[in-house]
PDB file of all heavy atoms in Angstrom:
ATOM      1  N   ARG A   1      11.036   2.691 -27.357  1.00  0.00           N
ATOM      2  CA  ARG A   1      11.168   2.832 -25.855  1.00  0.00           C
ATOM      3  C   ARG A   1       9.930   3.558 -25.378  1.00  0.00           C
ATOM      4  O   ARG A   1       9.383   4.383 -25.980  1.00  0.00           O
ATOM      5  CB  ARG A   1      12.480   3.475 -25.580  1.00  0.00           C
ATOM      6  CG  ARG A   1      12.608   4.105 -24.142  1.00  0.00           C
ATOM      7  CD  ARG A   1      13.755   5.100 -24.084  1.00  0.00           C
ATOM      8  NE  ARG A   1      13.715   5.866 -22.852  1.00  0.00           N
ATOM      9  CZ  ARG A   1      14.495   5.837 -21.781  1.00  0.00           C
ATOM     10  NH1 ARG A   1      15.424   4.925 -21.797  1.00  0.00           N
ATOM     11  NH2 ARG A   1      14.423   6.601 -20.737  1.00  0.00           N
ATOM     12  N   ILE A   2       9.513   3.203 -24.112  1.00  0.00           N
ATOM     13  CA  ILE A   2       8.620   4.011 -23.406  1.00  0.00           C
ATOM     14  C   ILE A   2       9.207   4.331 -22.027  1.00  0.00           C
ATOM     15  O   ILE A   2       9.966   3.543 -21.494  1.00  0.00           O
ATOM     16  CB  ILE A   2       7.252   3.316 -23.251  1.00  0.00           C
ATOM     17  CG1 ILE A   2       7.398   1.844 -22.634  1.00  0.00           C
ATOM     18  CG2 ILE A   2       6.496   3.308 -24.529  1.00  0.00           C
ATOM     19  CD1 ILE A   2       6.116   1.238 -22.381  1.00  0.00           C
ATOM     20  N   ASP A   3       8.841   5.531 -21.498  1.00  0.00           N
ATOM     21  CA  ASP A   3       9.381   5.994 -20.226  1.00  0.00           C
ATOM     22  C   ASP A   3       8.598   5.317 -19.055  1.00  0.00           C
ATOM     23  O   ASP A   3       7.552   4.718 -19.399  1.00  0.00           O
ATOM     24  CB  ASP A   3       9.251   7.540 -20.084  1.00  0.00           C
ATOM     25  CG  ASP A   3      10.281   8.183 -21.081  1.00  0.00           C
ATOM     26  OD1 ASP A   3      11.325   7.738 -21.355  1.00  0.00           O
ATOM     27  OD2 ASP A   3       9.892   9.304 -21.602  1.00  0.00           O
ATOM     28  N   ALA A   4       9.042   5.517 -17.899  1.00  0.00           N
ATOM     29  CA  ALA A   4       8.366   4.910 -16.816  1.00  0.00           C
ATOM     30  C   ALA A   4       6.898   5.334 -16.638  1.00  0.00           C
ATOM     31  O   ALA A   4       6.024   4.522 -16.350  1.00  0.00           O
ATOM     32  CB  ALA A   4       9.160   5.169 -15.471  1.00  0.00           C
ATOM     33  N   VAL A   5       6.714   6.635 -16.872  1.00  0.00           N
ATOM     34  CA  VAL A   5       5.280   7.217 -16.896  1.00  0.00           C
ATOM     35  C   VAL A   5       5.079   7.854 -18.273  1.00  0.00           C
ATOM     36  O   VAL A   5       5.903   8.805 -18.594  1.00  0.00           O
ATOM     37  CB  VAL A   5       5.023   8.159 -15.793  1.00  0.00           C
ATOM     38  CG1 VAL A   5       3.730   8.775 -15.849  1.00  0.00           C
ATOM     39  CG2 VAL A   5       5.249   7.554 -14.437  1.00  0.00           C
ATOM     40  N   SER A   6       4.271   7.363 -19.027  1.00  0.00           N
ATOM     41  CA  SER A   6       4.069   7.922 -20.429  1.00  0.00           C
ATOM     42  C   SER A   6       2.670   7.578 -20.931  1.00  0.00           C
ATOM     43  O   SER A   6       1.863   6.785 -20.362  1.00  0.00           O
ATOM     44  CB  SER A   6       5.077   7.212 -21.266  1.00  0.00           C
ATOM     45  OG  SER A   6       5.067   5.801 -21.218  1.00  0.00           O
ATOM     46  N   THR A   7       2.345   8.212 -22.061  1.00  0.00           N
ATOM     47  CA  THR A   7       1.209   8.011 -22.795  1.00  0.00           C
ATOM     48  C   THR A   7       1.492   7.446 -24.190  1.00  0.00           C
ATOM     49  O   THR A   7       2.323   8.125 -24.932  1.00  0.00           O
ATOM     50  CB  THR A   7       0.299   9.232 -22.858  1.00  0.00           C
ATOM     51  OG1 THR A   7      -0.104   9.685 -21.513  1.00  0.00           O
ATOM     52  CG2 THR A   7      -0.950   9.013 -23.753  1.00  0.00           C
ATOM     53  N   VAL A   8       0.947   6.389 -24.597  1.00  0.00           N
ATOM     54  CA  VAL A   8       1.122   5.747 -25.948  1.00  0.00           C
ATOM     55  C   VAL A   8      -0.118   6.023 -26.714  1.00  0.00           C
ATOM     56  O   VAL A   8      -1.121   5.723 -26.316  1.00  0.00           O
ATOM     57  CB  VAL A   8       1.511   4.290 -25.715  1.00  0.00           C
ATOM     58  CG1 VAL A   8       1.660   3.634 -27.178  1.00  0.00           C
ATOM     59  CG2 VAL A   8       2.790   3.977 -25.043  1.00  0.00           C
ATOM     60  N   GLN A   9       0.195   6.526 -27.957  1.00  0.00           N
ATOM     61  CA  GLN A   9      -0.977   6.782 -28.856  1.00  0.00           C
ATOM     62  C   GLN A   9      -0.886   5.804 -30.135  1.00  0.00           C
ATOM     63  O   GLN A   9       0.267   5.675 -30.652  1.00  0.00           O
ATOM     64  CB  GLN A   9      -0.973   8.228 -29.275  1.00  0.00           C
ATOM     65  CG  GLN A   9      -1.400   9.180 -28.192  1.00  0.00           C
ATOM     66  CD  GLN A   9      -1.404  10.580 -28.660  1.00  0.00           C
ATOM     67  OE1 GLN A   9      -0.924  10.988 -29.774  1.00  0.00           O
ATOM     68  NE2 GLN A   9      -1.877  11.542 -27.904  1.00  0.00           N
ATOM     69  N   VAL A  10      -1.971   5.242 -30.456  1.00  0.00           N
ATOM     70  CA  VAL A  10      -2.040   4.539 -31.684  1.00  0.00           C
ATOM     71  C   VAL A  10      -3.229   4.997 -32.587  1.00  0.00           C
ATOM     72  O   VAL A  10      -4.311   5.207 -32.009  1.00  0.00           O
ATOM     73  CB  VAL A  10      -2.108   3.032 -31.456  1.00  0.00           C
ATOM     74  CG1 VAL A  10      -3.307   2.606 -30.645  1.00  0.00           C
ATOM     75  CG2 VAL A  10      -2.161   2.223 -32.695  1.00  0.00           C
ATOM     76  N   THR A  11      -3.068   5.221 -33.847  1.00  0.00           N
ATOM     77  CA  THR A  11      -4.084   5.719 -34.728  1.00  0.00           C
ATOM     78  C   THR A  11      -4.257   4.658 -35.895  1.00  0.00           C
ATOM     79  O   THR A  11      -3.350   4.172 -36.437  1.00  0.00           O
ATOM     80  CB  THR A  11      -3.688   7.068 -35.310  1.00  0.00           C
ATOM     81  OG1 THR A  11      -3.455   7.992 -34.180  1.00  0.00           O
ATOM     82  CG2 THR A  11      -4.820   7.630 -36.221  1.00  0.00           C
ATOM     83  N   PHE A  12      -5.495   4.442 -36.179  1.00  0.00           N
ATOM     84  CA  PHE A  12      -5.817   3.523 -37.304  1.00  0.00           C
ATOM     85  C   PHE A  12      -7.245   3.926 -37.832  1.00  0.00           C
ATOM     86  O   PHE A  12      -7.950   4.649 -37.324  1.00  0.00           O
ATOM     87  CB  PHE A  12      -5.806   2.068 -36.783  1.00  0.00           C
ATOM     88  CG  PHE A  12      -6.822   1.715 -35.678  1.00  0.00           C
ATOM     89  CD1 PHE A  12      -8.106   1.358 -35.916  1.00  0.00           C
ATOM     90  CD2 PHE A  12      -6.344   1.825 -34.369  1.00  0.00           C
ATOM     91  CE1 PHE A  12      -8.946   1.188 -34.850  1.00  0.00           C
ATOM     92  CE2 PHE A  12      -7.188   1.598 -33.227  1.00  0.00           C
ATOM     93  CZ  PHE A  12      -8.661   1.181 -33.598  1.00  0.00           C
ATOM     94  N   THR A  13      -7.534   3.392 -39.075  1.00  0.00           N
ATOM     95  CA  THR A  13      -8.790   3.500 -39.662  1.00  0.00           C
ATOM     96  C   THR A  13      -9.684   2.381 -39.348  1.00  0.00           C
ATOM     97  O   THR A  13      -9.312   1.314 -39.350  1.00  0.00           O
ATOM     98  CB  THR A  13      -8.612   3.709 -41.206  1.00  0.00           C
ATOM     99  OG1 THR A  13      -7.756   4.790 -41.507  1.00  0.00           O
ATOM    100  CG2 THR A  13     -10.003   3.865 -41.896  1.00  0.00           C
ATOM    101  N   LEU A  14     -10.821   2.770 -38.828  1.00  0.00           N
ATOM    102  CA  LEU A  14     -11.844   1.694 -38.412  1.00  0.00           C
ATOM    103  C   LEU A  14     -12.263   0.923 -39.700  1.00  0.00           C
ATOM    104  O   LEU A  14     -12.854   1.589 -40.620  1.00  0.00           O
ATOM    105  CB  LEU A  14     -13.005   2.306 -37.755  1.00  0.00           C
ATOM    106  CG  LEU A  14     -13.873   1.322 -36.995  1.00  0.00           C
ATOM    107  CD1 LEU A  14     -13.154   0.711 -35.794  1.00  0.00           C
ATOM    108  CD2 LEU A  14     -15.250   2.019 -36.567  1.00  0.00           C
ATOM    109  N   PRO A  15     -12.175  -0.397 -39.634  1.00  0.00           N
ATOM    110  CA  PRO A  15     -12.660  -1.082 -40.856  1.00  0.00           C
ATOM    111  C   PRO A  15     -14.127  -0.976 -41.025  1.00  0.00           C
ATOM    112  O   PRO A  15     -14.875  -0.619 -40.070  1.00  0.00           O
ATOM    113  CB  PRO A  15     -12.174  -2.598 -40.586  1.00  0.00           C
ATOM    114  CG  PRO A  15     -11.183  -2.415 -39.467  1.00  0.00           C
ATOM    115  CD  PRO A  15     -11.487  -1.122 -38.734  1.00  0.00           C
ATOM    116  N   PRO A  16     -14.690  -1.539 -42.141  1.00  0.00           N
ATOM    117  CA  PRO A  16     -16.205  -1.426 -42.386  1.00  0.00           C
ATOM    118  C   PRO A  16     -16.829  -2.499 -41.567  1.00  0.00           C
ATOM    119  O   PRO A  16     -17.319  -3.529 -42.041  1.00  0.00           O
ATOM    120  CB  PRO A  16     -16.384  -1.635 -43.903  1.00  0.00           C
ATOM    121  CG  PRO A  16     -15.094  -2.439 -44.252  1.00  0.00           C
ATOM    122  CD  PRO A  16     -13.974  -1.925 -43.405  1.00  0.00           C
ATOM    123  N   LEU A  17     -16.962  -2.290 -40.243  1.00  0.00           N
ATOM    124  CA  LEU A  17     -17.489  -3.268 -39.311  1.00  0.00           C
ATOM    125  C   LEU A  17     -19.021  -3.249 -39.280  1.00  0.00           C
ATOM    126  O   LEU A  17     -19.631  -2.173 -39.555  1.00  0.00           O
ATOM    127  CB  LEU A  17     -16.987  -3.036 -37.857  1.00  0.00           C
ATOM    128  CG  LEU A  17     -15.472  -3.105 -37.686  1.00  0.00           C
ATOM    129  CD1 LEU A  17     -15.138  -2.843 -36.210  1.00  0.00           C
ATOM    130  CD2 LEU A  17     -15.029  -4.423 -38.012  1.00  0.00           C
ATOM    131  N   TYR A  18     -19.430  -4.418 -39.167  1.00  0.00           N
ATOM    132  CA  TYR A  18     -20.943  -4.656 -38.882  1.00  0.00           C
ATOM    133  C   TYR A  18     -21.351  -3.746 -37.713  1.00  0.00           C
ATOM    134  O   TYR A  18     -20.714  -3.749 -36.642  1.00  0.00           O
ATOM    135  CB  TYR A  18     -21.279  -6.079 -38.517  1.00  0.00           C
ATOM    136  CG  TYR A  18     -22.673  -6.413 -38.409  1.00  0.00           C
ATOM    137  CD1 TYR A  18     -23.489  -6.816 -39.454  1.00  0.00           C
ATOM    138  CD2 TYR A  18     -23.241  -6.391 -37.116  1.00  0.00           C
ATOM    139  CE1 TYR A  18     -24.829  -7.171 -39.313  1.00  0.00           C
ATOM    140  CE2 TYR A  18     -24.470  -6.772 -36.901  1.00  0.00           C
ATOM    141  CZ  TYR A  18     -25.302  -7.060 -37.930  1.00  0.00           C
ATOM    142  OH  TYR A  18     -26.604  -7.576 -37.793  1.00  0.00           O
ATOM    143  N   PRO A  19     -22.492  -3.050 -37.694  1.00  0.00           N
ATOM    144  CA  PRO A  19     -23.005  -2.211 -36.608  1.00  0.00           C
ATOM    145  C   PRO A  19     -23.146  -3.050 -35.328  1.00  0.00           C
ATOM    146  O   PRO A  19     -23.634  -4.065 -35.393  1.00  0.00           O
ATOM    147  CB  PRO A  19     -24.262  -1.597 -37.075  1.00  0.00           C
ATOM    148  CG  PRO A  19     -24.182  -1.624 -38.605  1.00  0.00           C
ATOM    149  CD  PRO A  19     -23.382  -2.911 -38.837  1.00  0.00           C
ATOM    150  N   GLY A  20     -22.804  -2.400 -34.279  1.00  0.00           N
ATOM    151  CA  GLY A  20     -22.929  -3.033 -32.911  1.00  0.00           C
ATOM    152  C   GLY A  20     -21.875  -2.621 -31.981  1.00  0.00           C
ATOM    153  O   GLY A  20     -21.117  -1.587 -32.196  1.00  0.00           O
ATOM    154  N   ARG A  21     -21.771  -3.297 -30.845  1.00  0.00           N
ATOM    155  CA  ARG A  21     -20.746  -2.939 -29.780  1.00  0.00           C
ATOM    156  C   ARG A  21     -19.534  -3.814 -29.898  1.00  0.00           C
ATOM    157  O   ARG A  21     -19.614  -5.066 -30.132  1.00  0.00           O
ATOM    158  CB  ARG A  21     -21.515  -3.099 -28.351  1.00  0.00           C
ATOM    159  CG  ARG A  21     -20.537  -2.734 -27.228  1.00  0.00           C
ATOM    160  CD  ARG A  21     -21.268  -2.176 -26.011  1.00  0.00           C
ATOM    161  NE  ARG A  21     -21.776  -0.848 -26.298  1.00  0.00           N
ATOM    162  CZ  ARG A  21     -22.121  -0.035 -25.315  1.00  0.00           C
ATOM    163  NH1 ARG A  21     -22.074  -0.430 -24.102  1.00  0.00           N
ATOM    164  NH2 ARG A  21     -22.584   1.185 -25.652  1.00  0.00           N
ATOM    165  N   TYR A  22     -18.369  -3.163 -29.623  1.00  0.00           N
ATOM    166  CA  TYR A  22     -17.091  -3.806 -29.728  1.00  0.00           C
ATOM    167  C   TYR A  22     -16.341  -3.569 -28.487  1.00  0.00           C
ATOM    168  O   TYR A  22     -16.470  -2.433 -27.843  1.00  0.00           O
ATOM    169  CB  TYR A  22     -16.355  -3.401 -30.969  1.00  0.00           C
ATOM    170  CG  TYR A  22     -17.036  -3.786 -32.239  1.00  0.00           C
ATOM    171  CD1 TYR A  22     -18.026  -3.108 -32.705  1.00  0.00           C
ATOM    172  CD2 TYR A  22     -16.617  -4.922 -32.940  1.00  0.00           C
ATOM    173  CE1 TYR A  22     -18.632  -3.551 -33.881  1.00  0.00           C
ATOM    174  CE2 TYR A  22     -17.159  -5.461 -33.990  1.00  0.00           C
ATOM    175  CZ  TYR A  22     -18.242  -4.633 -34.610  1.00  0.00           C
ATOM    176  OH  TYR A  22     -18.967  -5.084 -35.757  1.00  0.00           O
ATOM    177  N   THR A  23     -15.420  -4.449 -28.132  1.00  0.00           N
ATOM    178  CA  THR A  23     -14.603  -4.318 -26.914  1.00  0.00           C
ATOM    179  C   THR A  23     -13.086  -4.302 -27.290  1.00  0.00           C
ATOM    180  O   THR A  23     -12.759  -4.880 -28.315  1.00  0.00           O
ATOM    181  CB  THR A  23     -14.851  -5.287 -25.834  1.00  0.00           C
ATOM    182  OG1 THR A  23     -14.575  -6.540 -26.374  1.00  0.00           O
ATOM    183  CG2 THR A  23     -16.250  -5.287 -25.321  1.00  0.00           C
ATOM    184  N   LEU A  24     -12.325  -3.690 -26.380  1.00  0.00           N
ATOM    185  CA  LEU A  24     -10.772  -3.624 -26.662  1.00  0.00           C
ATOM    186  C   LEU A  24     -10.090  -4.462 -25.514  1.00  0.00           C
ATOM    187  O   LEU A  24     -10.366  -4.180 -24.376  1.00  0.00           O
ATOM    188  CB  LEU A  24     -10.446  -2.211 -26.529  1.00  0.00           C
ATOM    189  CG  LEU A  24     -10.873  -1.189 -27.627  1.00  0.00           C
ATOM    190  CD1 LEU A  24     -10.454   0.103 -27.278  1.00  0.00           C
ATOM    191  CD2 LEU A  24     -10.416  -1.552 -28.955  1.00  0.00           C
ATOM    192  N   ASP A  25      -9.237  -5.267 -25.936  1.00  0.00           N
ATOM    193  CA  ASP A  25      -8.292  -5.998 -25.005  1.00  0.00           C
ATOM    194  C   ASP A  25      -6.952  -5.385 -25.234  1.00  0.00           C
ATOM    195  O   ASP A  25      -6.587  -5.012 -26.420  1.00  0.00           O
ATOM    196  CB  ASP A  25      -8.199  -7.505 -25.292  1.00  0.00           C
ATOM    197  CG  ASP A  25      -9.507  -8.282 -25.185  1.00  0.00           C
ATOM    198  OD1 ASP A  25     -10.420  -7.771 -24.572  1.00  0.00           O
ATOM    199  OD2 ASP A  25      -9.550  -9.409 -25.746  1.00  0.00           O
ATOM    200  N   VAL A  26      -6.236  -5.086 -24.142  1.00  0.00           N
ATOM    201  CA  VAL A  26      -4.959  -4.518 -24.233  1.00  0.00           C
ATOM    202  C   VAL A  26      -3.895  -5.396 -23.538  1.00  0.00           C
ATOM    203  O   VAL A  26      -4.228  -6.092 -22.486  1.00  0.00           O
ATOM    204  CB  VAL A  26      -4.907  -3.107 -23.533  1.00  0.00           C
ATOM    205  CG1 VAL A  26      -5.785  -2.197 -24.424  1.00  0.00           C
ATOM    206  CG2 VAL A  26      -5.348  -3.133 -22.091  1.00  0.00           C
ATOM    207  N   SER A  27      -2.695  -5.476 -24.037  1.00  0.00           N
ATOM    208  CA  SER A  27      -1.626  -6.204 -23.369  1.00  0.00           C
ATOM    209  C   SER A  27      -0.234  -5.472 -23.669  1.00  0.00           C
ATOM    210  O   SER A  27      -0.045  -4.811 -24.616  1.00  0.00           O
ATOM    211  CB  SER A  27      -1.618  -7.599 -24.003  1.00  0.00           C
ATOM    212  OG  SER A  27      -1.246  -7.581 -25.338  1.00  0.00           O
ATOM    213  N   LEU A  28       0.623  -5.805 -22.737  1.00  0.00           N
ATOM    214  CA  LEU A  28       1.971  -5.239 -22.779  1.00  0.00           C
ATOM    215  C   LEU A  28       2.949  -6.374 -22.295  1.00  0.00           C
ATOM    216  O   LEU A  28       2.708  -7.005 -21.317  1.00  0.00           O
ATOM    217  CB  LEU A  28       2.054  -4.069 -21.818  1.00  0.00           C
ATOM    218  CG  LEU A  28       3.565  -3.504 -21.621  1.00  0.00           C
ATOM    219  CD1 LEU A  28       4.135  -2.830 -22.826  1.00  0.00           C
ATOM    220  CD2 LEU A  28       3.654  -2.526 -20.389  1.00  0.00           C
ATOM    221  N   SER A  29       3.953  -6.486 -23.164  1.00  0.00           N
ATOM    222  CA  SER A  29       4.978  -7.485 -22.803  1.00  0.00           C
ATOM    223  C   SER A  29       6.333  -6.869 -23.067  1.00  0.00           C
ATOM    224  O   SER A  29       6.512  -6.008 -23.964  1.00  0.00           O
ATOM    225  CB  SER A  29       4.770  -8.863 -23.437  1.00  0.00           C
ATOM    226  OG  SER A  29       4.857  -8.664 -24.875  1.00  0.00           O
ATOM    227  N   ALA A  30       7.353  -7.431 -22.454  1.00  0.00           N
ATOM    228  CA  ALA A  30       8.785  -7.050 -22.793  1.00  0.00           C
ATOM    229  C   ALA A  30       9.218  -7.700 -24.152  1.00  0.00           C
ATOM    230  O   ALA A  30       8.527  -8.475 -24.638  1.00  0.00           O
ATOM    231  CB  ALA A  30       9.762  -7.375 -21.685  1.00  0.00           C
ATOM    232  N   GLU A  31      10.358  -7.284 -24.592  1.00  0.00           N
ATOM    233  CA  GLU A  31      10.943  -7.713 -25.853  1.00  0.00           C
ATOM    234  C   GLU A  31      11.077  -9.345 -25.825  1.00  0.00           C
ATOM    235  O   GLU A  31      10.877  -9.954 -26.873  1.00  0.00           O
ATOM    236  CB  GLU A  31      12.218  -7.077 -26.194  1.00  0.00           C
ATOM    237  CG  GLU A  31      12.747  -7.459 -27.540  1.00  0.00           C
ATOM    238  CD  GLU A  31      13.992  -6.633 -27.898  1.00  0.00           C
ATOM    239  OE1 GLU A  31      14.591  -6.065 -26.961  1.00  0.00           O
ATOM    240  OE2 GLU A  31      14.388  -6.494 -29.042  1.00  0.00           O
ATOM    241  N   ASP A  32      11.310  -9.892 -24.702  1.00  0.00           N
ATOM    242  CA  ASP A  32      11.497 -11.264 -24.664  1.00  0.00           C
ATOM    243  C   ASP A  32      10.157 -12.047 -24.558  1.00  0.00           C
ATOM    244  O   ASP A  32      10.127 -13.251 -24.468  1.00  0.00           O
ATOM    245  CB  ASP A  32      12.378 -11.702 -23.318  1.00  0.00           C
ATOM    246  CG  ASP A  32      11.810 -11.150 -22.059  1.00  0.00           C
ATOM    247  OD1 ASP A  32      10.571 -10.700 -22.077  1.00  0.00           O
ATOM    248  OD2 ASP A  32      12.338 -11.335 -21.012  1.00  0.00           O
ATOM    249  N   GLY A  33       9.069 -11.352 -24.554  1.00  0.00           N
ATOM    250  CA  GLY A  33       7.724 -12.014 -24.582  1.00  0.00           C
ATOM    251  C   GLY A  33       7.126 -12.170 -23.241  1.00  0.00           C
ATOM    252  O   GLY A  33       5.975 -12.604 -23.066  1.00  0.00           O
ATOM    253  N   ASN A  34       7.850 -11.740 -22.131  1.00  0.00           N
ATOM    254  CA  ASN A  34       7.318 -11.869 -20.789  1.00  0.00           C
ATOM    255  C   ASN A  34       6.157 -10.821 -20.566  1.00  0.00           C
ATOM    256  O   ASN A  34       6.405  -9.569 -20.694  1.00  0.00           O
ATOM    257  CB  ASN A  34       8.431 -11.597 -19.739  1.00  0.00           C
ATOM    258  CG  ASN A  34       7.894 -11.750 -18.314  1.00  0.00           C
ATOM    259  OD1 ASN A  34       7.088 -12.578 -18.100  1.00  0.00           O
ATOM    260  ND2 ASN A  34       8.448 -10.888 -17.411  1.00  0.00           N
ATOM    261  N   PHE A  35       4.861 -11.270 -20.236  1.00  0.00           N
ATOM    262  CA  PHE A  35       3.785 -10.372 -20.054  1.00  0.00           C
ATOM    263  C   PHE A  35       4.029  -9.517 -18.819  1.00  0.00           C
ATOM    264  O   PHE A  35       4.337 -10.000 -17.717  1.00  0.00           O
ATOM    265  CB  PHE A  35       2.513 -11.098 -19.917  1.00  0.00           C
ATOM    266  CG  PHE A  35       1.899 -11.443 -21.267  1.00  0.00           C
ATOM    267  CD1 PHE A  35       1.877 -12.672 -21.864  1.00  0.00           C
ATOM    268  CD2 PHE A  35       1.193 -10.399 -21.926  1.00  0.00           C
ATOM    269  CE1 PHE A  35       1.302 -12.981 -23.157  1.00  0.00           C
ATOM    270  CE2 PHE A  35       0.600 -10.612 -23.160  1.00  0.00           C
ATOM    271  CZ  PHE A  35       0.608 -11.887 -23.674  1.00  0.00           C
ATOM    272  N   MET A  36       3.681  -8.185 -19.036  1.00  0.00           N
ATOM    273  CA  MET A  36       3.812  -7.290 -17.814  1.00  0.00           C
ATOM    274  C   MET A  36       2.362  -6.815 -17.445  1.00  0.00           C
ATOM    275  O   MET A  36       2.173  -6.419 -16.295  1.00  0.00           O
ATOM    276  CB  MET A  36       4.640  -6.038 -18.292  1.00  0.00           C
ATOM    277  CG  MET A  36       6.024  -6.504 -18.749  1.00  0.00           C
ATOM    278  SD  MET A  36       7.019  -4.985 -19.160  1.00  0.00           S
ATOM    279  CE  MET A  36       7.316  -4.271 -17.588  1.00  0.00           C
ATOM    280  N   ASP A  37       1.419  -6.807 -18.312  1.00  0.00           N
ATOM    281  CA  ASP A  37       0.032  -6.408 -18.040  1.00  0.00           C
ATOM    282  C   ASP A  37      -0.889  -6.828 -19.116  1.00  0.00           C
ATOM    283  O   ASP A  37      -0.459  -6.784 -20.323  1.00  0.00           O
ATOM    284  CB  ASP A  37      -0.108  -4.937 -17.736  1.00  0.00           C
ATOM    285  CG  ASP A  37      -1.343  -4.599 -16.970  1.00  0.00           C
ATOM    286  OD1 ASP A  37      -2.013  -5.546 -16.543  1.00  0.00           O
ATOM    287  OD2 ASP A  37      -1.660  -3.396 -16.760  1.00  0.00           O
ATOM    288  N   GLN A  38      -2.099  -7.232 -18.793  1.00  0.00           N
ATOM    289  CA  GLN A  38      -3.085  -7.677 -19.824  1.00  0.00           C
ATOM    290  C   GLN A  38      -4.454  -7.448 -19.247  1.00  0.00           C
ATOM    291  O   GLN A  38      -4.759  -7.828 -18.132  1.00  0.00           O
ATOM    292  CB  GLN A  38      -2.845  -9.134 -20.060  1.00  0.00           C
ATOM    293  CG  GLN A  38      -3.726  -9.679 -21.307  1.00  0.00           C
ATOM    294  CD  GLN A  38      -3.295 -11.122 -21.491  1.00  0.00           C
ATOM    295  OE1 GLN A  38      -2.639 -11.781 -20.770  1.00  0.00           O
ATOM    296  NE2 GLN A  38      -3.937 -11.659 -22.593  1.00  0.00           N
ATOM    297  N   ILE A  39      -5.333  -6.850 -20.002  1.00  0.00           N
ATOM    298  CA  ILE A  39      -6.728  -6.560 -19.513  1.00  0.00           C
ATOM    299  C   ILE A  39      -7.691  -6.970 -20.650  1.00  0.00           C
ATOM    300  O   ILE A  39      -7.555  -6.510 -21.758  1.00  0.00           O
ATOM    301  CB  ILE A  39      -7.004  -5.111 -19.173  1.00  0.00           C
ATOM    302  CG1 ILE A  39      -5.835  -4.583 -18.113  1.00  0.00           C
ATOM    303  CG2 ILE A  39      -8.280  -4.925 -18.522  1.00  0.00           C
ATOM    304  CD1 ILE A  39      -5.902  -3.153 -17.928  1.00  0.00           C
ATOM    305  N   GLU A  40      -8.697  -7.806 -20.325  1.00  0.00           N
ATOM    306  CA  GLU A  40      -9.612  -8.145 -21.266  1.00  0.00           C
ATOM    307  C   GLU A  40     -10.829  -7.113 -21.021  1.00  0.00           C
ATOM    308  O   GLU A  40     -11.106  -6.745 -19.974  1.00  0.00           O
ATOM    309  CB  GLU A  40     -10.352  -9.595 -20.952  1.00  0.00           C
ATOM    310  CG  GLU A  40      -9.330 -10.667 -21.085  1.00  0.00           C
ATOM    311  CD  GLU A  40      -9.935 -12.079 -20.738  1.00  0.00           C
ATOM    312  OE1 GLU A  40     -11.056 -11.998 -20.261  1.00  0.00           O
ATOM    313  OE2 GLU A  40      -9.304 -13.052 -20.810  1.00  0.00           O
ATOM    314  N   SER A  41     -11.396  -6.754 -22.256  1.00  0.00           N
ATOM    315  CA  SER A  41     -12.583  -5.822 -22.278  1.00  0.00           C
ATOM    316  C   SER A  41     -12.237  -4.466 -21.447  1.00  0.00           C
ATOM    317  O   SER A  41     -12.937  -4.068 -20.588  1.00  0.00           O
ATOM    318  CB  SER A  41     -13.808  -6.435 -21.728  1.00  0.00           C
ATOM    319  OG  SER A  41     -14.184  -7.604 -22.424  1.00  0.00           O
ATOM    320  N   ALA A  42     -11.008  -3.929 -21.785  1.00  0.00           N
ATOM    321  CA  ALA A  42     -10.689  -2.697 -21.091  1.00  0.00           C
ATOM    322  C   ALA A  42     -11.625  -1.489 -21.295  1.00  0.00           C
ATOM    323  O   ALA A  42     -11.732  -0.689 -20.451  1.00  0.00           O
ATOM    324  CB  ALA A  42      -9.183  -2.386 -21.569  1.00  0.00           C
ATOM    325  N   ALA A  43     -12.248  -1.519 -22.563  1.00  0.00           N
ATOM    326  CA  ALA A  43     -13.206  -0.407 -22.858  1.00  0.00           C
ATOM    327  C   ALA A  43     -14.087  -0.886 -24.069  1.00  0.00           C
ATOM    328  O   ALA A  43     -13.821  -2.000 -24.540  1.00  0.00           O
ATOM    329  CB  ALA A  43     -12.347   0.791 -23.362  1.00  0.00           C
TER     330      ALA A  43
END
């Protein structure tokens, strides 16, 4: 569950990626799969 206003944290180990620039896409959907928000190249 997430509250109406909240901060979600995710931690992972960065794989041995080739040097260069990478972008992050983020998405959020409900349990039934209905998209609530989606951003390409968020950061």
